[in-house]
């Protein structure tokens, strides 16, 4: 995501519009995109401030946050449970549909990761160079 345009540029845009210039003309003078000029022009006409909106991560916990305990309980019962199985369990038990990537992000934020290891069942052994013909 790109950085917000400077407040100085926004003030100059507002000043040009205050001097009678249209938004498109002010945008051309300041080398703004037509979409930005139109958006800022609408704000100036409506008397809204031109300060940039807050950026960064969204605030809030997300729709899966209430189910952290449910996921932790399932993981403790079966440490080799897959994300697809967690997704199915959530849908069956709580009737909540979500993506596996959402579950993965939630669990990673909580410190849960899964590394494939050769000693776990279902993991293929690496082929050695001597065994290949």
C-alpha atoms as a PDB file:
ATOM      1  CA  UNK A   1       0.000   0.000   0.000  1.00  0.00           C
ATOM      2  CA  UNK A   2       1.349   3.416  -0.891  1.00  0.00           C
ATOM      3  CA  UNK A   3       1.850   6.263   1.532  1.00  0.00           C
ATOM      4  CA  UNK A   4      -0.753   8.997   1.873  1.00  0.00           C
ATOM      5  CA  UNK A   5      -0.143  12.175  -0.104  1.00  0.00           C
ATOM      6  CA  UNK A   6       1.230  15.039   1.973  1.00  0.00           C
ATOM      7  CA  UNK A   7      -0.977  17.471   3.844  1.00  0.00           C
ATOM      8  CA  UNK A   8       0.834  20.339   2.078  1.00  0.00           C
ATOM      9  CA  UNK A   9      -0.385  19.048  -1.291  1.00  0.00           C
ATOM     10  CA  UNK A  10      -3.911  18.763   0.075  1.00  0.00           C
ATOM     11  CA  UNK A  11      -3.819  22.355   1.377  1.00  0.00           C
ATOM     12  CA  UNK A  12      -2.580  23.636  -1.995  1.00  0.00           C
ATOM     13  CA  UNK A  13      -5.362  21.703  -3.748  1.00  0.00           C
ATOM     14  CA  UNK A  14      -7.970  23.243  -1.451  1.00  0.00           C
ATOM     15  CA  UNK A  15      -6.503  26.716  -2.023  1.00  0.00           C
ATOM     16  CA  UNK A  16      -6.653  26.295  -5.820  1.00  0.00           C
ATOM     17  CA  UNK A  17     -10.280  25.216  -5.613  1.00  0.00           C
ATOM     18  CA  UNK A  18     -10.988  28.157  -3.314  1.00  0.00           C
ATOM     19  CA  UNK A  19      -9.538  30.475  -5.979  1.00  0.00           C
ATOM     20  CA  UNK A  20     -12.169  29.227  -8.436  1.00  0.00           C
ATOM     21  CA  UNK A  21     -10.343  26.402 -10.183  1.00  0.00           C
ATOM     22  CA  UNK A  22     -12.205  23.177 -10.856  1.00  0.00           C
ATOM     23  CA  UNK A  23     -11.026  19.936  -9.252  1.00  0.00           C
ATOM     24  CA  UNK A  24      -9.741  18.494 -12.543  1.00  0.00           C
ATOM     25  CA  UNK A  25      -7.710  21.640 -13.266  1.00  0.00           C
ATOM     26  CA  UNK A  26      -6.265  21.752  -9.765  1.00  0.00           C
ATOM     27  CA  UNK A  27      -5.365  18.083 -10.089  1.00  0.00           C
ATOM     28  CA  UNK A  28      -3.522  18.715 -13.376  1.00  0.00           C
ATOM     29  CA  UNK A  29      -1.602  21.632 -11.887  1.00  0.00           C
ATOM     30  CA  UNK A  30      -0.541  19.521  -8.885  1.00  0.00           C
ATOM     31  CA  UNK A  31       0.052  16.365 -11.001  1.00  0.00           C
ATOM     32  CA  UNK A  32      -2.638  14.340  -9.235  1.00  0.00           C
ATOM     33  CA  UNK A  33      -4.517  11.470 -10.783  1.00  0.00           C
ATOM     34  CA  UNK A  34      -7.978  12.379 -12.077  1.00  0.00           C
ATOM     35  CA  UNK A  35      -9.569  10.028  -9.520  1.00  0.00           C
ATOM     36  CA  UNK A  36      -7.764  11.676  -6.606  1.00  0.00           C
ATOM     37  CA  UNK A  37      -8.651  15.152  -7.874  1.00  0.00           C
ATOM     38  CA  UNK A  38     -12.313  14.177  -8.191  1.00  0.00           C
ATOM     39  CA  UNK A  39     -12.376  12.607  -4.726  1.00  0.00           C
ATOM     40  CA  UNK A  40     -10.674  15.591  -3.081  1.00  0.00           C
ATOM     41  CA  UNK A  41     -12.846  18.012  -5.059  1.00  0.00           C
ATOM     42  CA  UNK A  42     -15.992  16.357  -3.733  1.00  0.00           C
ATOM     43  CA  UNK A  43     -14.661  16.639  -0.178  1.00  0.00           C
ATOM     44  CA  UNK A  44     -13.853  20.335  -0.635  1.00  0.00           C
ATOM     45  CA  UNK A  45     -17.306  21.053  -2.070  1.00  0.00           C
ATOM     46  CA  UNK A  46     -18.990  19.210   0.812  1.00  0.00           C
ATOM     47  CA  UNK A  47     -16.859  21.006   3.416  1.00  0.00           C
ATOM     48  CA  UNK A  48     -15.182  17.791   4.582  1.00  0.00           C
ATOM     49  CA  UNK A  49     -11.568  17.788   5.828  1.00  0.00           C
ATOM     50  CA  UNK A  50      -8.834  16.599   3.484  1.00  0.00           C
ATOM     51  CA  UNK A  51      -6.781  14.799   6.151  1.00  0.00           C
ATOM     52  CA  UNK A  52      -5.702  11.309   5.101  1.00  0.00           C
ATOM     53  CA  UNK A  53      -7.638   8.395   6.520  1.00  0.00           C
ATOM     54  CA  UNK A  54      -5.891   6.164   9.047  1.00  0.00           C
ATOM     55  CA  UNK A  55      -3.858   3.348   7.544  1.00  0.00           C
ATOM     56  CA  UNK A  56      -2.404   0.148   8.862  1.00  0.00           C
ATOM     57  CA  UNK A  57      -3.905  -3.027  10.205  1.00  0.00           C
ATOM     58  CA  UNK A  58      -7.621  -3.100  10.785  1.00  0.00           C
ATOM     59  CA  UNK A  59      -8.780  -2.673  14.327  1.00  0.00           C
ATOM     60  CA  UNK A  60     -10.887  -5.336  15.938  1.00  0.00           C
ATOM     61  CA  UNK A  61     -10.622  -9.011  16.552  1.00  0.00           C
ATOM     62  CA  UNK A  62     -12.306 -10.558  13.521  1.00  0.00           C
ATOM     63  CA  UNK A  63     -15.106 -13.059  13.236  1.00  0.00           C
ATOM     64  CA  UNK A  64     -12.976 -16.072  14.247  1.00  0.00           C
ATOM     65  CA  UNK A  65     -11.694 -14.575  17.501  1.00  0.00           C
ATOM     66  CA  UNK A  66     -14.573 -15.979  19.624  1.00  0.00           C
ATOM     67  CA  UNK A  67     -13.619 -19.494  18.460  1.00  0.00           C
ATOM     68  CA  UNK A  68      -9.968 -19.495  19.569  1.00  0.00           C
ATOM     69  CA  UNK A  69     -10.797 -21.724  22.548  1.00  0.00           C
ATOM     70  CA  UNK A  70     -12.641 -24.139  20.259  1.00  0.00           C
ATOM     71  CA  UNK A  71      -9.626 -24.393  17.923  1.00  0.00           C
ATOM     72  CA  UNK A  72      -7.167 -24.793  20.820  1.00  0.00           C
ATOM     73  CA  UNK A  73      -9.270 -27.614  22.280  1.00  0.00           C
ATOM     74  CA  UNK A  74      -9.316 -29.440  18.941  1.00  0.00           C
ATOM     75  CA  UNK A  75      -5.572 -28.973  18.481  1.00  0.00           C
ATOM     76  CA  UNK A  76      -4.868 -30.318  21.975  1.00  0.00           C
ATOM     77  CA  UNK A  77      -7.017 -33.392  21.257  1.00  0.00           C
ATOM     78  CA  UNK A  78      -5.282 -34.044  17.911  1.00  0.00           C
ATOM     79  CA  UNK A  79      -2.020 -32.132  17.298  1.00  0.00           C
ATOM     80  CA  UNK A  80      -1.933 -33.377  13.668  1.00  0.00           C
ATOM     81  CA  UNK A  81      -5.354 -31.932  12.759  1.00  0.00           C
ATOM     82  CA  UNK A  82      -5.381 -30.103   9.442  1.00  0.00           C
ATOM     83  CA  UNK A  83      -6.779 -26.682   8.651  1.00  0.00           C
ATOM     84  CA  UNK A  84      -9.436 -28.278   6.454  1.00  0.00           C
ATOM     85  CA  UNK A  85     -10.528 -30.454   9.380  1.00  0.00           C
ATOM     86  CA  UNK A  86     -10.646 -27.394  11.664  1.00  0.00           C
ATOM     87  CA  UNK A  87     -12.730 -25.585   9.037  1.00  0.00           C
ATOM     88  CA  UNK A  88     -15.167 -28.511   8.790  1.00  0.00           C
ATOM     89  CA  UNK A  89     -15.435 -28.796  12.577  1.00  0.00           C
ATOM     90  CA  UNK A  90     -16.253 -25.100  12.896  1.00  0.00           C
ATOM     91  CA  UNK A  91     -18.928 -25.350  10.218  1.00  0.00           C
ATOM     92  CA  UNK A  92     -20.443 -28.494  11.746  1.00  0.00           C
ATOM     93  CA  UNK A  93     -20.373 -27.346  15.366  1.00  0.00           C
ATOM     94  CA  UNK A  94     -21.033 -23.602  15.146  1.00  0.00           C
ATOM     95  CA  UNK A  95     -22.402 -23.222  11.589  1.00  0.00           C
ATOM     96  CA  UNK A  96     -19.740 -20.621  10.804  1.00  0.00           C
ATOM     97  CA  UNK A  97     -18.122 -20.715   7.358  1.00  0.00           C
ATOM     98  CA  UNK A  98     -14.588 -19.395   6.952  1.00  0.00           C
ATOM     99  CA  UNK A  99     -11.448 -19.922   4.905  1.00  0.00           C
ATOM    100  CA  UNK A 100      -8.533 -22.083   5.931  1.00  0.00           C
ATOM    101  CA  UNK A 101      -6.233 -19.075   5.534  1.00  0.00           C
ATOM    102  CA  UNK A 102      -8.316 -17.195   8.115  1.00  0.00           C
ATOM    103  CA  UNK A 103      -7.910 -20.034  10.597  1.00  0.00           C
ATOM    104  CA  UNK A 104      -4.191 -20.191   9.806  1.00  0.00           C
ATOM    105  CA  UNK A 105      -3.746 -16.451  10.414  1.00  0.00           C
ATOM    106  CA  UNK A 106      -5.667 -16.632  13.697  1.00  0.00           C
ATOM    107  CA  UNK A 107      -3.624 -19.566  14.978  1.00  0.00           C
ATOM    108  CA  UNK A 108      -0.320 -18.030  13.876  1.00  0.00           C
ATOM    109  CA  UNK A 109      -1.165 -14.845  15.796  1.00  0.00           C
ATOM    110  CA  UNK A 110      -1.657 -17.074  18.825  1.00  0.00           C
ATOM    111  CA  UNK A 111       1.719 -18.775  18.300  1.00  0.00           C
ATOM    112  CA  UNK A 112       0.504 -22.056  16.784  1.00  0.00           C
ATOM    113  CA  UNK A 113       2.533 -23.404  13.881  1.00  0.00           C
ATOM    114  CA  UNK A 114       2.877 -26.799  12.279  1.00  0.00           C
ATOM    115  CA  UNK A 115       6.134 -28.079  10.866  1.00  0.00           C
ATOM    116  CA  UNK A 116       6.240 -31.246   8.818  1.00  0.00           C
ATOM    117  CA  UNK A 117       8.657 -33.758  10.280  1.00  0.00           C
ATOM    118  CA  UNK A 118       9.700 -37.152   8.969  1.00  0.00           C
ATOM    119  CA  UNK A 119       8.767 -38.889  12.242  1.00  0.00           C
ATOM    120  CA  UNK A 120       5.083 -37.862  12.004  1.00  0.00           C
ATOM    121  CA  UNK A 121       2.638 -40.248  10.377  1.00  0.00           C
ATOM    122  CA  UNK A 122       1.534 -39.357   6.863  1.00  0.00           C
ATOM    123  CA  UNK A 123       4.789 -37.611   5.973  1.00  0.00           C
ATOM    124  CA  UNK A 124       6.698 -39.127   3.068  1.00  0.00           C
ATOM    125  CA  UNK A 125      10.326 -39.970   3.656  1.00  0.00           C
ATOM    126  CA  UNK A 126      12.831 -38.014   1.608  1.00  0.00           C
ATOM    127  CA  UNK A 127      14.321 -40.011  -1.247  1.00  0.00           C
ATOM    128  CA  UNK A 128      18.039 -40.553  -0.984  1.00  0.00           C
ATOM    129  CA  UNK A 129      20.382 -40.333  -3.959  1.00  0.00           C
ATOM    130  CA  UNK A 130      21.563 -43.934  -3.375  1.00  0.00           C
ATOM    131  CA  UNK A 131      18.026 -45.383  -3.657  1.00  0.00           C
ATOM    132  CA  UNK A 132      17.290 -43.668  -6.973  1.00  0.00           C
ATOM    133  CA  UNK A 133      18.063 -45.591 -10.125  1.00  0.00           C
END
